[in-house]
């Protein structure tokens, strides 16, 4: 067993696969998934698969988790839209102020 395999095992990693990406956006999203998985494992000490096969949650619990996450996502989207609106308004005010100074 290589030292990499030993460290993977200690970190709860049971398999590793290399991917080639033609799209940097896809690579970035995959990297974020791996990072999130690592953080979840560090926080809970187990994987989602272990949680599922050991029946720690019911299907209803998973559906509730999804619903709550999507509700949070809607709130984040609305907050971002309001931030964009505020930035646009600030840009218009700045442009108006710049135009006034030109006269």
PDB file of N, CA and C in Angstrom:
ATOM      1  N   UNK A   1       0.849  -1.175   0.000  1.00  0.00           N
ATOM      2  CA  UNK A   1       0.000   0.000   0.000  1.00  0.00           C
ATOM      3  C   UNK A   1       0.895   1.238   0.000  1.00  0.00           C
ATOM      4  N   UNK A   2       0.614   2.168  -0.903  1.00  0.00           N
ATOM      5  CA  UNK A   2       1.425   3.382  -0.992  1.00  0.00           C
ATOM      6  C   UNK A   2       1.076   4.331   0.150  1.00  0.00           C
ATOM      7  N   UNK A   3       1.959   5.298   0.388  1.00  0.00           N
ATOM      8  CA  UNK A   3       1.697   6.271   1.449  1.00  0.00           C
ATOM      9  C   UNK A   3       0.445   7.086   1.119  1.00  0.00           C
ATOM     10  N   UNK A   4       0.215   7.341  -0.173  1.00  0.00           N
ATOM     11  CA  UNK A   4      -0.986   8.074  -0.574  1.00  0.00           C
ATOM     12  C   UNK A   4      -2.238   7.278  -0.202  1.00  0.00           C
ATOM     13  N   UNK A   5      -2.219   5.978  -0.441  1.00  0.00           N
ATOM     14  CA  UNK A   5      -3.363   5.138  -0.099  1.00  0.00           C
ATOM     15  C   UNK A   5      -3.575   5.080   1.409  1.00  0.00           C
ATOM     16  N   UNK A   6      -2.490   5.070   2.160  1.00  0.00           N
ATOM     17  CA  UNK A   6      -2.592   5.055   3.622  1.00  0.00           C
ATOM     18  C   UNK A   6      -3.231   6.346   4.119  1.00  0.00           C
ATOM     19  N   UNK A   7      -2.752   7.490   3.605  1.00  0.00           N
ATOM     20  CA  UNK A   7      -3.329   8.772   4.025  1.00  0.00           C
ATOM     21  C   UNK A   7      -4.782   8.900   3.576  1.00  0.00           C
ATOM     22  N   UNK A   8      -5.090   8.423   2.357  1.00  0.00           N
ATOM     23  CA  UNK A   8      -6.482   8.445   1.911  1.00  0.00           C
ATOM     24  C   UNK A   8      -7.364   7.644   2.863  1.00  0.00           C
ATOM     25  N   UNK A   9      -6.898   6.468   3.237  1.00  0.00           N
ATOM     26  CA  UNK A   9      -7.659   5.609   4.133  1.00  0.00           C
ATOM     27  C   UNK A   9      -7.881   6.299   5.472  1.00  0.00           C
ATOM     28  N   UNK A  10      -6.855   6.954   5.985  1.00  0.00           N
ATOM     29  CA  UNK A  10      -6.979   7.672   7.261  1.00  0.00           C
ATOM     30  C   UNK A  10      -7.981   8.814   7.148  1.00  0.00           C
ATOM     31  N   UNK A  11      -8.093   9.408   5.947  1.00  0.00           N
ATOM     32  CA  UNK A  11      -9.029  10.510   5.724  1.00  0.00           C
ATOM     33  C   UNK A  11     -10.408  10.034   5.299  1.00  0.00           C
ATOM     34  N   UNK A  12     -10.631   8.706   5.279  1.00  0.00           N
ATOM     35  CA  UNK A  12     -11.939   8.178   4.904  1.00  0.00           C
ATOM     36  C   UNK A  12     -12.151   8.078   3.407  1.00  0.00           C
ATOM     37  N   UNK A  13     -11.087   8.209   2.622  1.00  0.00           N
ATOM     38  CA  UNK A  13     -11.198   8.139   1.167  1.00  0.00           C
ATOM     39  C   UNK A  13     -11.007   6.694   0.743  1.00  0.00           C
ATOM     40  N   UNK A  14     -12.026   6.113   0.075  1.00  0.00           N
ATOM     41  CA  UNK A  14     -11.918   4.715  -0.306  1.00  0.00           C
ATOM     42  C   UNK A  14     -11.620   4.510  -1.784  1.00  0.00           C
ATOM     43  N   UNK A  15     -11.691   5.560  -2.566  1.00  0.00           N
ATOM     44  CA  UNK A  15     -11.323   5.438  -3.980  1.00  0.00           C
ATOM     45  C   UNK A  15     -10.923   6.805  -4.510  1.00  0.00           C
ATOM     46  N   UNK A  16     -10.150   6.758  -5.563  1.00  0.00           N
ATOM     47  CA  UNK A  16      -9.658   7.996  -6.171  1.00  0.00           C
ATOM     48  C   UNK A  16      -9.676   7.785  -7.674  1.00  0.00           C
ATOM     49  N   UNK A  17     -10.147   8.786  -8.404  1.00  0.00           N
ATOM     50  CA  UNK A  17     -10.182   8.705  -9.854  1.00  0.00           C
ATOM     51  C   UNK A  17      -9.721  10.038 -10.416  1.00  0.00           C
ATOM     52  N   UNK A  18      -8.938   9.994 -11.445  1.00  0.00           N
ATOM     53  CA  UNK A  18      -8.465  11.214 -12.094  1.00  0.00           C
ATOM     54  C   UNK A  18      -9.412  11.566 -13.246  1.00  0.00           C
ATOM     55  N   UNK A  19      -9.690  12.841 -13.410  1.00  0.00           N
ATOM     56  CA  UNK A  19     -10.559  13.309 -14.483  1.00  0.00           C
ATOM     57  C   UNK A  19      -9.814  14.330 -15.325  1.00  0.00           C
ATOM     58  N   UNK A  20     -10.166  14.371 -16.597  1.00  0.00           N
ATOM     59  CA  UNK A  20      -9.665  15.417 -17.488  1.00  0.00           C
ATOM     60  C   UNK A  20     -10.840  16.340 -17.795  1.00  0.00           C
ATOM     61  N   UNK A  21     -10.599  17.618 -17.667  1.00  0.00           N
ATOM     62  CA  UNK A  21     -11.663  18.604 -17.869  1.00  0.00           C
ATOM     63  C   UNK A  21     -11.364  19.444 -19.093  1.00  0.00           C
ATOM     64  N   UNK A  22     -12.363  19.610 -19.938  1.00  0.00           N
ATOM     65  CA  UNK A  22     -12.205  20.531 -21.060  1.00  0.00           C
ATOM     66  C   UNK A  22     -12.802  21.893 -20.700  1.00  0.00           C
ATOM     67  N   UNK A  23     -13.627  21.900 -19.663  1.00  0.00           N
ATOM     68  CA  UNK A  23     -14.304  23.133 -19.262  1.00  0.00           C
ATOM     69  C   UNK A  23     -13.883  23.504 -17.847  1.00  0.00           C
ATOM     70  N   UNK A  24     -13.209  24.643 -17.684  1.00  0.00           N
ATOM     71  CA  UNK A  24     -12.769  25.038 -16.341  1.00  0.00           C
ATOM     72  C   UNK A  24     -13.922  25.275 -15.372  1.00  0.00           C
ATOM     73  N   UNK A  25     -15.097  25.618 -15.879  1.00  0.00           N
ATOM     74  CA  UNK A  25     -16.251  25.810 -15.001  1.00  0.00           C
ATOM     75  C   UNK A  25     -16.645  24.476 -14.370  1.00  0.00           C
ATOM     76  N   UNK A  26     -16.653  23.412 -15.170  1.00  0.00           N
ATOM     77  CA  UNK A  26     -16.995  22.084 -14.655  1.00  0.00           C
ATOM     78  C   UNK A  26     -15.960  21.655 -13.621  1.00  0.00           C
ATOM     79  N   UNK A  27     -14.694  21.906 -13.917  1.00  0.00           N
ATOM     80  CA  UNK A  27     -13.641  21.543 -12.962  1.00  0.00           C
ATOM     81  C   UNK A  27     -13.826  22.289 -11.637  1.00  0.00           C
ATOM     82  N   UNK A  28     -14.143  23.568 -11.731  1.00  0.00           N
ATOM     83  CA  UNK A  28     -14.336  24.369 -10.522  1.00  0.00           C
ATOM     84  C   UNK A  28     -15.488  23.816  -9.683  1.00  0.00           C
ATOM     85  N   UNK A  29     -16.594  23.465 -10.342  1.00  0.00           N
ATOM     86  CA  UNK A  29     -17.744  22.922  -9.617  1.00  0.00           C
ATOM     87  C   UNK A  29     -17.378  21.583  -8.977  1.00  0.00           C
ATOM     88  N   UNK A  30     -16.667  20.728  -9.707  1.00  0.00           N
ATOM     89  CA  UNK A  30     -16.238  19.442  -9.141  1.00  0.00           C
ATOM     90  C   UNK A  30     -15.318  19.651  -7.943  1.00  0.00           C
ATOM     91  N   UNK A  31     -14.403  20.613  -8.055  1.00  0.00           N
ATOM     92  CA  UNK A  31     -13.519  20.926  -6.925  1.00  0.00           C
ATOM     93  C   UNK A  31     -14.326  21.376  -5.708  1.00  0.00           C
ATOM     94  N   UNK A  32     -15.372  22.166  -5.957  1.00  0.00           N
ATOM     95  CA  UNK A  32     -16.217  22.627  -4.848  1.00  0.00           C
ATOM     96  C   UNK A  32     -16.958  21.457  -4.209  1.00  0.00           C
ATOM     97  N   UNK A  33     -17.421  20.499  -5.028  1.00  0.00           N
ATOM     98  CA  UNK A  33     -18.081  19.314  -4.478  1.00  0.00           C
ATOM     99  C   UNK A  33     -17.135  18.530  -3.578  1.00  0.00           C
ATOM    100  N   UNK A  34     -15.911  18.331  -4.033  1.00  0.00           N
ATOM    101  CA  UNK A  34     -14.935  17.581  -3.241  1.00  0.00           C
ATOM    102  C   UNK A  34     -14.642  18.319  -1.940  1.00  0.00           C
ATOM    103  N   UNK A  35     -14.466  19.631  -2.020  1.00  0.00           N
ATOM    104  CA  UNK A  35     -14.196  20.421  -0.816  1.00  0.00           C
ATOM    105  C   UNK A  35     -15.361  20.330   0.166  1.00  0.00           C
ATOM    106  N   UNK A  36     -16.568  20.433  -0.360  1.00  0.00           N
ATOM    107  CA  UNK A  36     -17.760  20.348   0.509  1.00  0.00           C
ATOM    108  C   UNK A  36     -17.863  18.967   1.145  1.00  0.00           C
ATOM    109  N   UNK A  37     -17.575  17.933   0.378  1.00  0.00           N
ATOM    110  CA  UNK A  37     -17.591  16.578   0.911  1.00  0.00           C
ATOM    111  C   UNK A  37     -16.556  16.424   2.022  1.00  0.00           C
ATOM    112  N   UNK A  38     -15.363  16.968   1.790  1.00  0.00           N
ATOM    113  CA  UNK A  38     -14.308  16.905   2.809  1.00  0.00           C
ATOM    114  C   UNK A  38     -14.728  17.625   4.086  1.00  0.00           C
ATOM    115  N   UNK A  39     -15.345  18.786   3.937  1.00  0.00           N
ATOM    116  CA  UNK A  39     -15.797  19.545   5.107  1.00  0.00           C
ATOM    117  C   UNK A  39     -16.889  18.787   5.858  1.00  0.00           C
ATOM    118  N   UNK A  40     -17.804  18.168   5.112  1.00  0.00           N
ATOM    119  CA  UNK A  40     -18.859  17.385   5.741  1.00  0.00           C
ATOM    120  C   UNK A  40     -18.298  16.190   6.492  1.00  0.00           C
ATOM    121  N   UNK A  41     -17.312  15.534   5.884  1.00  0.00           N
ATOM    122  CA  UNK A  41     -16.696  14.380   6.541  1.00  0.00           C
ATOM    123  C   UNK A  41     -15.974  14.819   7.809  1.00  0.00           C
ATOM    124  N   UNK A  42     -15.280  15.954   7.724  1.00  0.00           N
ATOM    125  CA  UNK A  42     -14.569  16.468   8.897  1.00  0.00           C
ATOM    126  C   UNK A  42     -15.558  16.820  10.017  1.00  0.00           C
ATOM    127  N   UNK A  43     -16.682  17.407   9.640  1.00  0.00           N
ATOM    128  CA  UNK A  43     -17.668  17.850  10.629  1.00  0.00           C
ATOM    129  C   UNK A  43     -18.441  16.669  11.240  1.00  0.00           C
ATOM    130  N   UNK A  44     -18.865  15.708  10.387  1.00  0.00           N
ATOM    131  CA  UNK A  44     -19.738  14.635  10.853  1.00  0.00           C
ATOM    132  C   UNK A  44     -19.035  13.286  11.018  1.00  0.00           C
ATOM    133  N   UNK A  45     -17.803  13.155  10.481  1.00  0.00           N
ATOM    134  CA  UNK A  45     -17.053  11.917  10.633  1.00  0.00           C
ATOM    135  C   UNK A  45     -17.574  10.751   9.827  1.00  0.00           C
ATOM    136  N   UNK A  46     -18.396  11.044   8.828  1.00  0.00           N
ATOM    137  CA  UNK A  46     -18.944  10.000   7.972  1.00  0.00           C
ATOM    138  C   UNK A  46     -19.375  10.600   6.640  1.00  0.00           C
ATOM    139  N   UNK A  47     -19.646   9.740   5.695  1.00  0.00           N
ATOM    140  CA  UNK A  47     -20.092  10.187   4.376  1.00  0.00           C
ATOM    141  C   UNK A  47     -21.615  10.120   4.294  1.00  0.00           C
ATOM    142  N   UNK A  48     -22.157  10.754   3.275  1.00  0.00           N
ATOM    143  CA  UNK A  48     -23.595  10.645   3.038  1.00  0.00           C
ATOM    144  C   UNK A  48     -23.983   9.200   2.752  1.00  0.00           C
ATOM    145  N   UNK A  49     -23.111   8.489   2.038  1.00  0.00           N
ATOM    146  CA  UNK A  49     -23.409   7.097   1.735  1.00  0.00           C
ATOM    147  C   UNK A  49     -23.511   6.280   3.016  1.00  0.00           C
ATOM    148  N   UNK A  50     -22.594   6.490   3.951  1.00  0.00           N
ATOM    149  CA  UNK A  50     -22.660   5.774   5.230  1.00  0.00           C
ATOM    150  C   UNK A  50     -23.948   6.122   5.968  1.00  0.00           C
ATOM    151  N   UNK A  51     -24.300   7.395   5.947  1.00  0.00           N
ATOM    152  CA  UNK A  51     -25.539   7.832   6.589  1.00  0.00           C
ATOM    153  C   UNK A  51     -26.742   7.120   5.971  1.00  0.00           C
ATOM    154  N   UNK A  52     -26.714   6.979   4.653  1.00  0.00           N
ATOM    155  CA  UNK A  52     -27.833   6.342   3.950  1.00  0.00           C
ATOM    156  C   UNK A  52     -27.906   4.847   4.246  1.00  0.00           C
ATOM    157  N   UNK A  53     -26.778   4.134   4.063  1.00  0.00           N
ATOM    158  CA  UNK A  53     -26.826   2.671   4.220  1.00  0.00           C
ATOM    159  C   UNK A  53     -27.029   2.261   5.676  1.00  0.00           C
ATOM    160  N   UNK A  54     -26.637   3.106   6.606  1.00  0.00           N
ATOM    161  CA  UNK A  54     -26.871   2.773   8.017  1.00  0.00           C
ATOM    162  C   UNK A  54     -28.244   3.257   8.487  1.00  0.00           C
ATOM    163  N   UNK A  55     -29.021   3.803   7.576  1.00  0.00           N
ATOM    164  CA  UNK A  55     -30.401   4.240   7.856  1.00  0.00           C
ATOM    165  C   UNK A  55     -30.494   5.260   8.982  1.00  0.00           C
ATOM    166  N   UNK A  56     -29.531   6.200   8.978  1.00  0.00           N
ATOM    167  CA  UNK A  56     -29.550   7.240  10.002  1.00  0.00           C
ATOM    168  C   UNK A  56     -30.677   8.247   9.759  1.00  0.00           C
ATOM    169  N   UNK A  57     -31.100   8.353   8.500  1.00  0.00           N
ATOM    170  CA  UNK A  57     -32.195   9.256   8.143  1.00  0.00           C
ATOM    171  C   UNK A  57     -33.189   8.509   7.269  1.00  0.00           C
ATOM    172  N   UNK A  58     -34.423   8.949   7.338  1.00  0.00           N
ATOM    173  CA  UNK A  58     -35.453   8.382   6.475  1.00  0.00           C
ATOM    174  C   UNK A  58     -35.511   9.185   5.172  1.00  0.00           C
ATOM    175  N   UNK A  59     -36.223   8.644   4.224  1.00  0.00           N
ATOM    176  CA  UNK A  59     -36.423   9.355   2.960  1.00  0.00           C
ATOM    177  C   UNK A  59     -37.103  10.699   3.215  1.00  0.00           C
ATOM    178  N   UNK A  60     -38.051  10.718   4.142  1.00  0.00           N
ATOM    179  CA  UNK A  60     -38.715  11.977   4.486  1.00  0.00           C
ATOM    180  C   UNK A  60     -37.708  13.001   5.019  1.00  0.00           C
ATOM    181  N   UNK A  61     -36.747  12.551   5.817  1.00  0.00           N
ATOM    182  CA  UNK A  61     -35.715  13.454   6.350  1.00  0.00           C
ATOM    183  C   UNK A  61     -34.873  14.034   5.229  1.00  0.00           C
ATOM    184  N   UNK A  62     -34.501  13.181   4.250  1.00  0.00           N
ATOM    185  CA  UNK A  62     -33.717  13.676   3.110  1.00  0.00           C
ATOM    186  C   UNK A  62     -34.519  14.693   2.300  1.00  0.00           C
ATOM    187  N   UNK A  63     -35.796  14.408   2.083  1.00  0.00           N
ATOM    188  CA  UNK A  63     -36.625  15.346   1.330  1.00  0.00           C
ATOM    189  C   UNK A  63     -36.786  16.671   2.072  1.00  0.00           C
ATOM    190  N   UNK A  64     -36.886  16.616   3.388  1.00  0.00           N
ATOM    191  CA  UNK A  64     -36.960  17.839   4.184  1.00  0.00           C
ATOM    192  C   UNK A  64     -35.649  18.625   4.064  1.00  0.00           C
ATOM    193  N   UNK A  65     -34.515  17.924   4.109  1.00  0.00           N
ATOM    194  CA  UNK A  65     -33.209  18.584   3.928  1.00  0.00           C
ATOM    195  C   UNK A  65     -33.157  19.305   2.582  1.00  0.00           C
ATOM    196  N   UNK A  66     -33.601  18.634   1.532  1.00  0.00           N
ATOM    197  CA  UNK A  66     -33.594  19.239   0.195  1.00  0.00           C
ATOM    198  C   UNK A  66     -34.480  20.475   0.181  1.00  0.00           C
ATOM    199  N   UNK A  67     -35.673  20.349   0.738  1.00  0.00           N
ATOM    200  CA  UNK A  67     -36.603  21.475   0.756  1.00  0.00           C
ATOM    201  C   UNK A  67     -36.007  22.675   1.494  1.00  0.00           C
ATOM    202  N   UNK A  68     -35.401  22.425   2.647  1.00  0.00           N
ATOM    203  CA  UNK A  68     -34.808  23.518   3.417  1.00  0.00           C
ATOM    204  C   UNK A  68     -33.639  24.154   2.674  1.00  0.00           C
ATOM    205  N   UNK A  69     -32.818  23.338   2.020  1.00  0.00           N
ATOM    206  CA  UNK A  69     -31.689  23.879   1.246  1.00  0.00           C
ATOM    207  C   UNK A  69     -32.192  24.735   0.085  1.00  0.00           C
ATOM    208  N   UNK A  70     -33.248  24.275  -0.594  1.00  0.00           N
ATOM    209  CA  UNK A  70     -33.790  25.057  -1.708  1.00  0.00           C
ATOM    210  C   UNK A  70     -34.433  26.355  -1.215  1.00  0.00           C
ATOM    211  N   UNK A  71     -35.050  26.309  -0.060  1.00  0.00           N
ATOM    212  CA  UNK A  71     -35.607  27.541   0.511  1.00  0.00           C
ATOM    213  C   UNK A  71     -34.480  28.524   0.808  1.00  0.00           C
ATOM    214  N   UNK A  72     -33.380  28.028   1.376  1.00  0.00           N
ATOM    215  CA  UNK A  72     -32.219  28.888   1.612  1.00  0.00           C
ATOM    216  C   UNK A  72     -31.697  29.454   0.291  1.00  0.00           C
ATOM    217  N   UNK A  73     -31.657  28.620  -0.740  1.00  0.00           N
ATOM    218  CA  UNK A  73     -31.156  29.076  -2.042  1.00  0.00           C
ATOM    219  C   UNK A  73     -32.009  30.222  -2.581  1.00  0.00           C
ATOM    220  N   UNK A  74     -33.318  30.127  -2.433  1.00  0.00           N
ATOM    221  CA  UNK A  74     -34.210  31.200  -2.878  1.00  0.00           C
ATOM    222  C   UNK A  74     -33.891  32.498  -2.128  1.00  0.00           C
ATOM    223  N   UNK A  75     -33.639  32.390  -0.832  1.00  0.00           N
ATOM    224  CA  UNK A  75     -33.293  33.584  -0.047  1.00  0.00           C
ATOM    225  C   UNK A  75     -31.968  34.183  -0.516  1.00  0.00           C
ATOM    226  N   UNK A  76     -30.982  33.331  -0.804  1.00  0.00           N
ATOM    227  CA  UNK A  76     -29.691  33.818  -1.296  1.00  0.00           C
ATOM    228  C   UNK A  76     -29.855  34.491  -2.653  1.00  0.00           C
ATOM    229  N   UNK A  77     -30.678  33.907  -3.530  1.00  0.00           N
ATOM    230  CA  UNK A  77     -30.918  34.502  -4.854  1.00  0.00           C
ATOM    231  C   UNK A  77     -31.556  35.871  -4.699  1.00  0.00           C
ATOM    232  N   UNK A  78     -32.568  35.975  -3.849  1.00  0.00           N
ATOM    233  CA  UNK A  78     -33.234  37.259  -3.661  1.00  0.00           C
ATOM    234  C   UNK A  78     -32.275  38.296  -3.088  1.00  0.00           C
ATOM    235  N   UNK A  79     -31.465  37.895  -2.124  1.00  0.00           N
ATOM    236  CA  UNK A  79     -30.489  38.819  -1.541  1.00  0.00           C
ATOM    237  C   UNK A  79     -29.502  39.296  -2.604  1.00  0.00           C
ATOM    238  N   UNK A  80     -29.033  38.380  -3.453  1.00  0.00           N
ATOM    239  CA  UNK A  80     -28.102  38.755  -4.519  1.00  0.00           C
ATOM    240  C   UNK A  80     -28.771  39.703  -5.517  1.00  0.00           C
ATOM    241  N   UNK A  81     -30.033  39.449  -5.840  1.00  0.00           N
ATOM    242  CA  UNK A  81     -30.758  40.341  -6.760  1.00  0.00           C
ATOM    243  C   UNK A  81     -30.885  41.746  -6.161  1.00  0.00           C
ATOM    244  N   UNK A  82     -31.172  41.815  -4.880  1.00  0.00           N
ATOM    245  CA  UNK A  82     -31.278  43.122  -4.232  1.00  0.00           C
ATOM    246  C   UNK A  82     -29.928  43.822  -4.197  1.00  0.00           C
ATOM    247  N   UNK A  83     -28.860  43.061  -3.997  1.00  0.00           N
ATOM    248  CA  UNK A  83     -27.514  43.647  -4.019  1.00  0.00           C
ATOM    249  C   UNK A  83     -27.202  44.195  -5.411  1.00  0.00           C
ATOM    250  N   UNK A  84     -27.537  43.445  -6.451  1.00  0.00           N
ATOM    251  CA  UNK A  84     -27.327  43.933  -7.828  1.00  0.00           C
ATOM    252  C   UNK A  84     -28.142  45.196  -8.095  1.00  0.00           C
ATOM    253  N   UNK A  85     -29.379  45.209  -7.618  1.00  0.00           N
ATOM    254  CA  UNK A  85     -30.217  46.403  -7.786  1.00  0.00           C
ATOM    255  C   UNK A  85     -29.568  47.599  -7.105  1.00  0.00           C
ATOM    256  N   UNK A  86     -29.103  47.410  -5.876  1.00  0.00           N
ATOM    257  CA  UNK A  86     -28.463  48.508  -5.148  1.00  0.00           C
ATOM    258  C   UNK A  86     -27.201  48.976  -5.867  1.00  0.00           C
ATOM    259  N   UNK A  87     -26.410  48.032  -6.379  1.00  0.00           N
ATOM    260  CA  UNK A  87     -25.194  48.411  -7.110  1.00  0.00           C
ATOM    261  C   UNK A  87     -25.531  49.183  -8.371  1.00  0.00           C
ATOM    262  N   UNK A  88     -26.600  48.769  -9.058  1.00  0.00           N
ATOM    263  CA  UNK A  88     -27.022  49.478 -10.275  1.00  0.00           C
ATOM    264  C   UNK A  88     -27.477  50.883  -9.946  1.00  0.00           C
ATOM    265  N   UNK A  89     -28.231  51.013  -8.860  1.00  0.00           N
ATOM    266  CA  UNK A  89     -28.686  52.334  -8.443  1.00  0.00           C
ATOM    267  C   UNK A  89     -27.506  53.225  -8.076  1.00  0.00           C
ATOM    268  N   UNK A  90     -26.524  52.657  -7.376  1.00  0.00           N
ATOM    269  CA  UNK A  90     -25.333  53.422  -7.014  1.00  0.00           C
ATOM    270  C   UNK A  90     -24.570  53.864  -8.263  1.00  0.00           C
ATOM    271  N   UNK A  91     -24.499  52.982  -9.256  1.00  0.00           N
ATOM    272  CA  UNK A  91     -23.804  53.325 -10.499  1.00  0.00           C
ATOM    273  C   UNK A  91     -24.533  54.453 -11.219  1.00  0.00           C
ATOM    274  N   UNK A  92     -25.861  54.418 -11.228  1.00  0.00           N
ATOM    275  CA  UNK A  92     -26.628  55.491 -11.862  1.00  0.00           C
ATOM    276  C   UNK A  92     -26.424  56.812 -11.134  1.00  0.00           C
ATOM    277  N   UNK A  93     -26.441  56.786  -9.816  1.00  0.00           N
ATOM    278  CA  UNK A  93     -26.222  58.002  -9.037  1.00  0.00           C
ATOM    279  C   UNK A  93     -24.831  58.555  -9.312  1.00  0.00           C
ATOM    280  N   UNK A  94     -23.830  57.674  -9.345  1.00  0.00           N
ATOM    281  CA  UNK A  94     -22.462  58.104  -9.621  1.00  0.00           C
ATOM    282  C   UNK A  94     -22.363  58.724 -11.014  1.00  0.00           C
ATOM    283  N   UNK A  95     -23.007  58.086 -11.997  1.00  0.00           N
ATOM    284  CA  UNK A  95     -22.977  58.624 -13.364  1.00  0.00           C
ATOM    285  C   UNK A  95     -23.643  59.994 -13.397  1.00  0.00           C
ATOM    286  N   UNK A  96     -24.787  60.141 -12.707  1.00  0.00           N
ATOM    287  CA  UNK A  96     -25.475  61.424 -12.651  1.00  0.00           C
ATOM    288  C   UNK A  96     -24.573  62.478 -12.016  1.00  0.00           C
ATOM    289  N   UNK A  97     -23.890  62.134 -10.915  1.00  0.00           N
ATOM    290  CA  UNK A  97     -22.993  63.057 -10.250  1.00  0.00           C
ATOM    291  C   UNK A  97     -21.832  63.452 -11.170  1.00  0.00           C
ATOM    292  N   UNK A  98     -21.294  62.479 -11.918  1.00  0.00           N
ATOM    293  CA  UNK A  98     -20.197  62.753 -12.845  1.00  0.00           C
ATOM    294  C   UNK A  98     -20.654  63.685 -13.949  1.00  0.00           C
ATOM    295  N   UNK A  99     -21.884  63.447 -14.454  1.00  0.00           N
ATOM    296  CA  UNK A  99     -22.429  64.316 -15.515  1.00  0.00           C
ATOM    297  C   UNK A  99     -22.633  65.733 -15.017  1.00  0.00           C
ATOM    298  N   UNK A 100     -23.087  65.877 -13.768  1.00  0.00           N
ATOM    299  CA  UNK A 100     -23.306  67.192 -13.174  1.00  0.00           C
ATOM    300  C   UNK A 100     -21.982  67.961 -13.068  1.00  0.00           C
ATOM    301  N   UNK A 101     -20.896  67.243 -12.709  1.00  0.00           N
ATOM    302  CA  UNK A 101     -19.597  67.885 -12.553  1.00  0.00           C
ATOM    303  C   UNK A 101     -19.054  68.360 -13.897  1.00  0.00           C
ATOM    304  N   UNK A 102     -19.476  67.728 -14.966  1.00  0.00           N
ATOM    305  CA  UNK A 102     -19.003  68.091 -16.294  1.00  0.00           C
ATOM    306  C   UNK A 102     -19.538  69.464 -16.712  1.00  0.00           C
ATOM    307  N   UNK A 103     -20.667  69.883 -16.127  1.00  0.00           N
ATOM    308  CA  UNK A 103     -21.243  71.177 -16.489  1.00  0.00           C
ATOM    309  C   UNK A 103     -20.693  72.246 -15.675  1.00  0.00           C
TER     310      UNK A 103
END
